[in-house]
Amino acid sequence: MEHGDVIVLSAGIYHRFTLDERNVIETIHLLEVRRAAVAPYNRGESTNAYPIRHHYLRTIGVGASTIGKEDVAVWKKLRFARLSLASQGFSLFPR
């Protein structure tokens, strides 16, 4: 990538950025909501269970066929957190 390039990342995709030769990277989050909460999520079982992650995997042709009781519990907690943030004008997962 070069100065001025734009890259669009789908919601639910894991991503990392690599620094340039000056050990610098500049990014701007352009989200589709007015005020969004942007937080880093490390790869792991809990983040793999997020509904937005399952949605992303389905869009690229990877099925989420093994959904367990733990996933449902995580989804319920996530839904509550999302509703709480939404009531304050934030979005956990921009659409």
N, C-alpha and C. Protein backbone atom coordinates (compact mmCIF):
# COMPACT_ATOMS: atom_id res chain seq x y z
N MET A 1 0.83 -1.17 0.00
CA MET A 1 0.00 0.00 0.00
C MET A 1 0.88 1.24 0.00
N GLU A 2 0.32 2.29 -0.55
CA GLU A 2 1.03 3.56 -0.59
C GLU A 2 0.17 4.66 0.01
N HIS A 3 0.78 5.80 0.26
CA HIS A 3 0.07 6.95 0.83
C HIS A 3 -1.20 7.23 0.02
N GLY A 4 -2.31 7.36 0.72
CA GLY A 4 -3.57 7.67 0.06
C GLY A 4 -4.40 6.46 -0.32
N ASP A 5 -3.85 5.26 -0.20
CA ASP A 5 -4.61 4.05 -0.53
C ASP A 5 -5.71 3.82 0.50
N VAL A 6 -6.76 3.17 0.06
CA VAL A 6 -7.89 2.84 0.93
C VAL A 6 -8.08 1.33 0.91
N ILE A 7 -8.30 0.76 2.07
CA ILE A 7 -8.62 -0.66 2.17
C ILE A 7 -9.90 -0.79 2.99
N VAL A 8 -10.81 -1.61 2.51
CA VAL A 8 -12.09 -1.81 3.19
C VAL A 8 -12.06 -3.20 3.82
N LEU A 9 -12.30 -3.25 5.12
CA LEU A 9 -12.32 -4.52 5.85
C LEU A 9 -13.76 -4.83 6.26
N SER A 10 -14.19 -6.03 5.99
CA SER A 10 -15.54 -6.44 6.38
C SER A 10 -15.64 -6.57 7.88
N ALA A 11 -16.83 -6.27 8.42
CA ALA A 11 -17.08 -6.50 9.84
C ALA A 11 -16.91 -7.99 10.11
N GLY A 12 -16.24 -8.33 11.19
CA GLY A 12 -16.05 -9.73 11.56
C GLY A 12 -14.75 -10.34 11.09
N ILE A 13 -13.97 -9.60 10.29
CA ILE A 13 -12.71 -10.15 9.80
C ILE A 13 -11.59 -9.80 10.79
N TYR A 14 -10.70 -10.75 11.04
CA TYR A 14 -9.53 -10.46 11.86
C TYR A 14 -8.54 -9.70 10.99
N HIS A 15 -7.90 -8.70 11.55
CA HIS A 15 -6.92 -7.95 10.77
C HIS A 15 -5.81 -7.42 11.66
N ARG A 16 -4.66 -7.27 11.05
CA ARG A 16 -3.48 -6.71 11.71
C ARG A 16 -2.82 -5.77 10.70
N PHE A 17 -2.13 -4.79 11.21
CA PHE A 17 -1.40 -3.88 10.34
C PHE A 17 0.09 -4.05 10.61
N THR A 18 0.89 -3.90 9.57
CA THR A 18 2.34 -3.98 9.68
C THR A 18 2.92 -2.57 9.56
N LEU A 19 3.88 -2.27 10.39
CA LEU A 19 4.51 -0.96 10.35
C LEU A 19 5.39 -0.81 9.12
N ASP A 20 5.60 0.43 8.70
CA ASP A 20 6.50 0.67 7.57
C ASP A 20 7.96 0.73 8.05
N GLU A 21 8.86 1.08 7.14
CA GLU A 21 10.29 1.09 7.50
C GLU A 21 10.62 2.13 8.57
N ARG A 22 9.73 3.08 8.78
CA ARG A 22 9.93 4.07 9.85
C ARG A 22 9.24 3.64 11.15
N ASN A 23 8.70 2.42 11.18
CA ASN A 23 7.93 1.92 12.31
C ASN A 23 6.68 2.76 12.56
N VAL A 24 6.05 3.17 11.48
CA VAL A 24 4.87 4.04 11.57
C VAL A 24 3.74 3.47 10.73
N ILE A 25 2.53 3.61 11.22
CA ILE A 25 1.34 3.35 10.42
C ILE A 25 0.29 4.34 10.86
N GLU A 26 -0.44 4.84 9.92
CA GLU A 26 -1.53 5.75 10.23
C GLU A 26 -2.80 5.16 9.65
N THR A 27 -3.81 5.02 10.48
CA THR A 27 -5.08 4.49 10.00
C THR A 27 -6.20 5.41 10.47
N ILE A 28 -7.27 5.37 9.74
CA ILE A 28 -8.48 6.10 10.11
C ILE A 28 -9.63 5.11 10.03
N HIS A 29 -10.40 5.02 11.11
CA HIS A 29 -11.60 4.18 11.09
C HIS A 29 -12.75 5.02 10.56
N LEU A 30 -13.30 4.64 9.44
CA LEU A 30 -14.48 5.29 8.89
C LEU A 30 -15.64 4.32 9.05
N LEU A 31 -16.52 4.62 9.97
CA LEU A 31 -17.61 3.71 10.30
C LEU A 31 -18.94 4.28 9.82
N GLU A 32 -19.91 3.38 9.66
CA GLU A 32 -21.20 3.78 9.13
C GLU A 32 -22.16 4.31 10.20
N VAL A 33 -21.70 4.50 11.39
CA VAL A 33 -22.57 5.00 12.45
C VAL A 33 -22.00 6.32 12.96
N ARG A 34 -22.84 7.10 13.57
CA ARG A 34 -22.42 8.43 14.01
C ARG A 34 -21.33 8.36 15.07
N ARG A 35 -21.57 7.62 16.13
CA ARG A 35 -20.58 7.47 17.22
C ARG A 35 -20.42 5.98 17.48
N ALA A 36 -19.29 5.45 17.17
CA ALA A 36 -19.08 4.01 17.33
C ALA A 36 -17.98 3.73 18.35
N ALA A 37 -18.18 2.67 19.12
CA ALA A 37 -17.15 2.22 20.05
C ALA A 37 -16.24 1.26 19.29
N VAL A 38 -14.99 1.61 19.16
CA VAL A 38 -14.03 0.76 18.46
C VAL A 38 -13.10 0.19 19.51
N ALA A 39 -13.10 -1.12 19.62
CA ALA A 39 -12.26 -1.78 20.62
C ALA A 39 -11.54 -2.95 19.96
N PRO A 40 -10.31 -3.22 20.36
CA PRO A 40 -9.60 -4.38 19.81
C PRO A 40 -10.13 -5.68 20.41
N TYR A 41 -10.25 -6.68 19.58
CA TYR A 41 -10.66 -8.01 20.03
C TYR A 41 -9.60 -8.99 19.57
N ASN A 42 -8.97 -9.70 20.49
CA ASN A 42 -7.96 -10.68 20.13
C ASN A 42 -8.62 -11.97 19.69
N ARG A 43 -7.95 -12.68 18.82
CA ARG A 43 -8.48 -13.96 18.35
C ARG A 43 -8.63 -14.92 19.52
N GLY A 44 -9.69 -15.68 19.49
CA GLY A 44 -9.92 -16.66 20.54
C GLY A 44 -11.31 -17.24 20.43
N GLU A 45 -11.60 -18.19 21.30
CA GLU A 45 -12.90 -18.87 21.27
C GLU A 45 -14.05 -17.89 21.48
N SER A 46 -13.87 -16.93 22.40
CA SER A 46 -14.97 -16.01 22.67
C SER A 46 -15.25 -15.10 21.47
N THR A 47 -14.20 -14.61 20.81
CA THR A 47 -14.44 -13.75 19.65
C THR A 47 -14.92 -14.55 18.44
N ASN A 48 -14.51 -15.80 18.35
CA ASN A 48 -15.01 -16.65 17.27
C ASN A 48 -16.50 -16.90 17.40
N ALA A 49 -17.04 -16.75 18.60
CA ALA A 49 -18.47 -17.00 18.83
C ALA A 49 -19.33 -15.78 18.55
N TYR A 50 -18.74 -14.62 18.29
CA TYR A 50 -19.53 -13.41 18.04
C TYR A 50 -20.39 -13.60 16.79
N PRO A 51 -21.63 -13.19 16.85
CA PRO A 51 -22.52 -13.32 15.68
C PRO A 51 -21.94 -12.65 14.43
N ILE A 52 -21.29 -11.51 14.59
CA ILE A 52 -20.74 -10.82 13.43
C ILE A 52 -19.63 -11.64 12.79
N ARG A 53 -18.89 -12.40 13.58
CA ARG A 53 -17.84 -13.28 13.05
C ARG A 53 -18.48 -14.42 12.25
N HIS A 54 -19.54 -15.01 12.80
CA HIS A 54 -20.26 -16.08 12.08
C HIS A 54 -20.83 -15.55 10.77
N HIS A 55 -21.39 -14.34 10.81
CA HIS A 55 -21.94 -13.73 9.60
C HIS A 55 -20.84 -13.55 8.54
N TYR A 56 -19.70 -13.03 8.96
CA TYR A 56 -18.59 -12.85 8.03
C TYR A 56 -18.16 -14.19 7.42
N LEU A 57 -18.01 -15.21 8.25
CA LEU A 57 -17.59 -16.52 7.75
C LEU A 57 -18.59 -17.08 6.75
N ARG A 58 -19.89 -16.90 7.03
CA ARG A 58 -20.91 -17.37 6.08
C ARG A 58 -20.80 -16.63 4.75
N THR A 59 -20.48 -15.33 4.79
CA THR A 59 -20.40 -14.56 3.54
C THR A 59 -19.24 -15.00 2.67
N ILE A 60 -18.21 -15.60 3.26
CA ILE A 60 -17.08 -16.09 2.45
C ILE A 60 -17.16 -17.59 2.23
N GLY A 61 -18.29 -18.19 2.62
CA GLY A 61 -18.51 -19.60 2.34
C GLY A 61 -18.04 -20.57 3.39
N VAL A 62 -17.76 -20.10 4.58
CA VAL A 62 -17.36 -20.99 5.68
C VAL A 62 -18.54 -21.09 6.62
N GLY A 63 -19.11 -22.29 6.75
CA GLY A 63 -20.28 -22.45 7.60
C GLY A 63 -19.94 -22.47 9.08
N ALA A 64 -20.86 -21.98 9.86
CA ALA A 64 -20.73 -22.03 11.32
C ALA A 64 -21.64 -23.15 11.81
N SER A 65 -21.24 -24.38 11.54
CA SER A 65 -22.12 -25.52 11.80
C SER A 65 -22.04 -26.04 13.23
N THR A 66 -21.03 -25.66 13.96
CA THR A 66 -20.89 -26.17 15.32
C THR A 66 -21.14 -25.07 16.33
N ILE A 67 -22.39 -24.80 16.58
CA ILE A 67 -22.78 -23.78 17.55
C ILE A 67 -23.22 -24.51 18.81
N GLY A 68 -22.52 -24.26 19.90
CA GLY A 68 -22.83 -24.92 21.16
C GLY A 68 -23.53 -24.01 22.14
N LYS A 69 -23.85 -24.58 23.32
CA LYS A 69 -24.52 -23.81 24.37
C LYS A 69 -23.68 -22.62 24.81
N GLU A 70 -22.35 -22.78 24.80
CA GLU A 70 -21.47 -21.68 25.20
C GLU A 70 -21.63 -20.51 24.25
N ASP A 71 -21.78 -20.81 22.96
CA ASP A 71 -21.94 -19.75 21.97
C ASP A 71 -23.22 -18.96 22.22
N VAL A 72 -24.29 -19.66 22.54
CA VAL A 72 -25.57 -19.00 22.80
C VAL A 72 -25.44 -18.08 24.02
N ALA A 73 -24.75 -18.55 25.05
CA ALA A 73 -24.56 -17.73 26.25
C ALA A 73 -23.76 -16.47 25.91
N VAL A 74 -22.72 -16.61 25.10
CA VAL A 74 -21.91 -15.46 24.69
C VAL A 74 -22.76 -14.51 23.87
N TRP A 75 -23.57 -15.04 22.97
CA TRP A 75 -24.42 -14.19 22.13
C TRP A 75 -25.39 -13.37 22.97
N LYS A 76 -25.96 -14.01 24.01
CA LYS A 76 -26.90 -13.30 24.88
C LYS A 76 -26.20 -12.16 25.61
N LYS A 77 -24.99 -12.42 26.13
CA LYS A 77 -24.23 -11.37 26.81
C LYS A 77 -23.87 -10.25 25.83
N LEU A 78 -23.46 -10.64 24.64
CA LEU A 78 -23.09 -9.67 23.62
C LEU A 78 -24.29 -8.82 23.22
N ARG A 79 -25.44 -9.46 23.07
CA ARG A 79 -26.66 -8.72 22.70
C ARG A 79 -26.99 -7.70 23.78
N PHE A 80 -26.88 -8.09 25.05
CA PHE A 80 -27.16 -7.17 26.15
C PHE A 80 -26.18 -6.00 26.11
N ALA A 81 -24.89 -6.30 25.89
CA ALA A 81 -23.87 -5.24 25.83
C ALA A 81 -24.16 -4.31 24.66
N ARG A 82 -24.55 -4.89 23.53
CA ARG A 82 -24.84 -4.08 22.34
C ARG A 82 -26.04 -3.18 22.59
N LEU A 83 -27.09 -3.71 23.23
CA LEU A 83 -28.27 -2.91 23.53
C LEU A 83 -27.93 -1.80 24.50
N SER A 84 -27.09 -2.10 25.49
CA SER A 84 -26.68 -1.08 26.46
C SER A 84 -25.92 0.05 25.77
N LEU A 85 -24.99 -0.32 24.89
CA LEU A 85 -24.23 0.69 24.16
C LEU A 85 -25.12 1.47 23.20
N ALA A 86 -26.04 0.76 22.55
CA ALA A 86 -26.94 1.43 21.59
C ALA A 86 -27.78 2.49 22.28
N SER A 87 -28.20 2.21 23.51
CA SER A 87 -29.02 3.18 24.24
C SER A 87 -28.23 4.45 24.55
N GLN A 88 -26.90 4.35 24.49
CA GLN A 88 -26.04 5.51 24.74
C GLN A 88 -25.52 6.12 23.43
N GLY A 89 -26.01 5.60 22.31
CA GLY A 89 -25.61 6.14 21.01
C GLY A 89 -24.39 5.49 20.40
N PHE A 90 -23.93 4.37 20.96
CA PHE A 90 -22.76 3.67 20.42
C PHE A 90 -23.19 2.40 19.70
N SER A 91 -22.32 1.90 18.84
CA SER A 91 -22.56 0.63 18.16
C SER A 91 -21.34 -0.26 18.35
N LEU A 92 -21.56 -1.46 18.88
CA LEU A 92 -20.47 -2.40 19.08
C LEU A 92 -19.99 -2.98 17.76
N PHE A 93 -20.93 -3.27 16.88
CA PHE A 93 -20.60 -3.79 15.56
C PHE A 93 -21.26 -2.93 14.50
N PRO A 94 -20.55 -1.99 13.91
CA PRO A 94 -21.14 -1.16 12.87
C PRO A 94 -21.65 -2.01 11.72
N ARG A 95 -22.73 -1.61 11.15
CA ARG A 95 -23.32 -2.37 10.03
C ARG A 95 -22.78 -1.89 8.72
